[in-house]
Protein backbone atom coordinates (compact mmCIF):
# COMPACT_ATOMS: atom_id res chain seq x y z
CA UNK A 1 -15.13 31.31 -29.88
CA UNK A 2 -17.22 32.12 -26.84
CA UNK A 3 -18.54 35.63 -26.31
CA UNK A 4 -16.84 36.85 -22.87
CA UNK A 5 -17.91 40.50 -22.79
CA UNK A 6 -19.68 43.34 -24.50
CA UNK A 7 -18.68 47.08 -24.09
CA UNK A 8 -19.99 50.43 -25.37
CA UNK A 9 -17.62 52.87 -26.85
CA UNK A 10 -17.91 56.05 -25.09
CA UNK A 11 -16.67 59.63 -25.48
CA UNK A 12 -14.13 59.29 -22.66
CA UNK A 13 -12.64 56.18 -24.64
CA UNK A 14 -11.64 58.22 -27.64
CA UNK A 15 -8.23 59.38 -28.53
CA UNK A 16 -6.94 62.32 -30.77
CA UNK A 17 -7.94 60.59 -33.96
CA UNK A 18 -11.49 60.41 -33.03
CA UNK A 19 -11.37 56.55 -32.58
CA UNK A 20 -10.98 54.31 -29.53
CA UNK A 21 -7.70 54.85 -27.88
CA UNK A 22 -5.61 51.61 -28.56
CA UNK A 23 -4.45 51.22 -24.98
CA UNK A 24 -8.30 51.35 -23.78
CA UNK A 25 -8.97 48.49 -26.17
CA UNK A 26 -5.99 46.49 -24.71
CA UNK A 27 -7.28 47.17 -21.19
CA UNK A 28 -10.89 45.90 -22.29
CA UNK A 29 -9.33 42.68 -23.72
CA UNK A 30 -6.99 42.05 -21.00
CA UNK A 31 -9.63 42.43 -18.33
CA UNK A 32 -12.40 40.31 -20.31
CA UNK A 33 -9.60 37.52 -20.83
CA UNK A 34 -8.13 37.39 -17.39
CA UNK A 35 -11.96 37.02 -16.04
CA UNK A 36 -12.43 34.14 -18.70
CA UNK A 37 -8.98 32.50 -17.56
CA UNK A 38 -9.98 32.77 -13.96
CA UNK A 39 -13.65 31.29 -14.67
CA UNK A 40 -12.07 28.68 -16.77
CA UNK A 41 -9.23 27.54 -14.24
CA UNK A 42 -11.58 27.86 -11.16
CA UNK A 43 -9.43 30.52 -9.38
CA UNK A 44 -9.37 34.17 -8.97
CA UNK A 45 -5.69 34.45 -9.05
CA UNK A 46 -4.66 34.67 -12.64
CA UNK A 47 -2.19 37.29 -13.70
CA UNK A 48 -1.25 38.37 -17.20
CA UNK A 49 2.28 37.50 -18.28
CA UNK A 50 2.24 37.78 -22.14
CA UNK A 51 0.14 39.54 -24.76
CA UNK A 52 1.11 38.77 -28.40
CA UNK A 53 1.24 41.08 -31.18
CA UNK A 54 -1.87 43.07 -31.67
CA UNK A 55 -2.75 44.89 -35.07
CA UNK A 56 -5.59 47.00 -35.23
CA UNK A 57 -7.60 46.61 -38.36
CA UNK A 58 -10.83 48.55 -37.99
CA UNK A 59 -11.69 51.81 -36.08
CA UNK A 60 -14.16 51.97 -33.31
CA UNK A 61 -16.21 54.95 -32.67
CA UNK A 62 -18.46 56.63 -30.11
CA UNK A 63 -21.71 54.45 -29.82
CA UNK A 64 -20.13 51.20 -31.37
CA UNK A 65 -20.43 47.97 -29.45
CA UNK A 66 -17.26 46.05 -28.79
CA UNK A 67 -17.70 42.21 -28.37
CA UNK A 68 -14.84 40.32 -26.97
CA UNK A 69 -14.72 36.82 -27.86
CA UNK A 70 -12.08 34.08 -26.44
CA UNK A 71 -11.23 30.52 -26.59
CA UNK A 72 -8.69 28.29 -24.81
CA UNK A 73 -5.68 27.71 -26.88
CA UNK A 74 -3.59 25.74 -24.55
CA UNK A 75 -3.20 24.84 -20.85
CA UNK A 76 0.23 24.11 -19.35
CA UNK A 77 1.30 23.16 -16.04
CA UNK A 78 0.82 26.62 -14.41
CA UNK A 79 -0.56 28.66 -17.43
CA UNK A 80 -3.41 29.25 -19.85
CA UNK A 81 -3.15 30.51 -23.17
CA UNK A 82 -6.24 32.29 -24.75
CA UNK A 83 -7.25 33.20 -28.32
CA UNK A 84 -9.08 36.57 -28.01
CA UNK A 85 -10.87 38.92 -30.64
CA UNK A 86 -12.39 42.24 -30.12
CA UNK A 87 -15.04 42.77 -32.84
CA UNK A 88 -16.92 46.00 -33.71
CA UNK A 89 -20.62 44.90 -33.54
CA UNK A 90 -23.48 46.86 -35.47
CA UNK A 91 -26.78 46.73 -33.73
CA UNK A 92 -28.36 47.70 -37.11
CA UNK A 93 -27.31 44.45 -39.23
CA UNK A 94 -25.47 42.24 -36.62
CA UNK A 95 -22.41 42.46 -38.76
CA UNK A 96 -19.17 42.34 -37.01
CA UNK A 97 -15.70 43.25 -38.18
CA UNK A 98 -12.49 42.14 -36.10
CA UNK A 99 -10.73 45.16 -34.48
CA UNK A 100 -7.97 43.34 -33.24
CA UNK A 101 -6.97 39.70 -32.42
CA UNK A 102 -4.23 38.12 -30.13
CA UNK A 103 -3.17 35.51 -27.86
CA UNK A 104 -2.90 36.15 -24.14
CA UNK A 105 -0.93 33.98 -21.47
CA UNK A 106 -2.21 33.79 -17.66
CA UNK A 107 -0.40 32.17 -14.73
CA UNK A 108 -2.24 30.98 -11.85
CA UNK A 109 -0.56 32.20 -8.46
CA UNK A 110 -0.88 31.57 -4.88
CA UNK A 111 -1.17 34.07 -2.11
CA UNK A 112 2.66 35.10 -2.30
CA UNK A 113 2.31 35.44 -6.10
CA UNK A 114 4.31 32.21 -7.14
CA UNK A 115 3.07 29.90 -9.90
CA UNK A 116 1.20 27.14 -8.86
CA UNK A 117 -0.31 24.22 -11.05
CA UNK A 118 -3.70 24.33 -12.76
CA UNK A 119 -5.72 21.37 -11.66
CA UNK A 120 -5.67 18.26 -13.71
CA UNK A 121 -9.61 18.54 -13.16
CA UNK A 122 -9.62 21.71 -15.32
CA UNK A 123 -7.13 20.43 -17.81
CA UNK A 124 -9.54 17.23 -18.45
CA UNK A 125 -12.68 19.25 -18.54
CA UNK A 126 -11.21 21.21 -21.65
CA UNK A 127 -9.56 18.04 -23.08
CA UNK A 128 -6.00 18.90 -22.51
CA UNK A 129 -5.70 15.51 -20.76
CA UNK A 130 -7.25 12.37 -21.45
């Protein structure tokens, strides 16, 4: 997986339990994955259509680094599906623990928000056509 973004958990990201609010983590994942999808598909017009199940495995506290990793799982006619992991990273040891992992599907759209094909060049570049 490629590192696609890094964030610092701040006080304003914390929920009632003293950990990063899950909704904020999902927003970071969605934004990072959307940028990765846009970069991969050579277009800024990608919209989220599906996020698979998310199970939060480890807490994130104020000051922790969150590193988000992604890779292309599949490319369809108009869509791309990414595997994404958010990891808590220790600056002291370099150890990482997976906080949450999921798959996210994006669709390429035109100016009127209608789905349009992802180019054959993109599919070929990532080995989804020969």
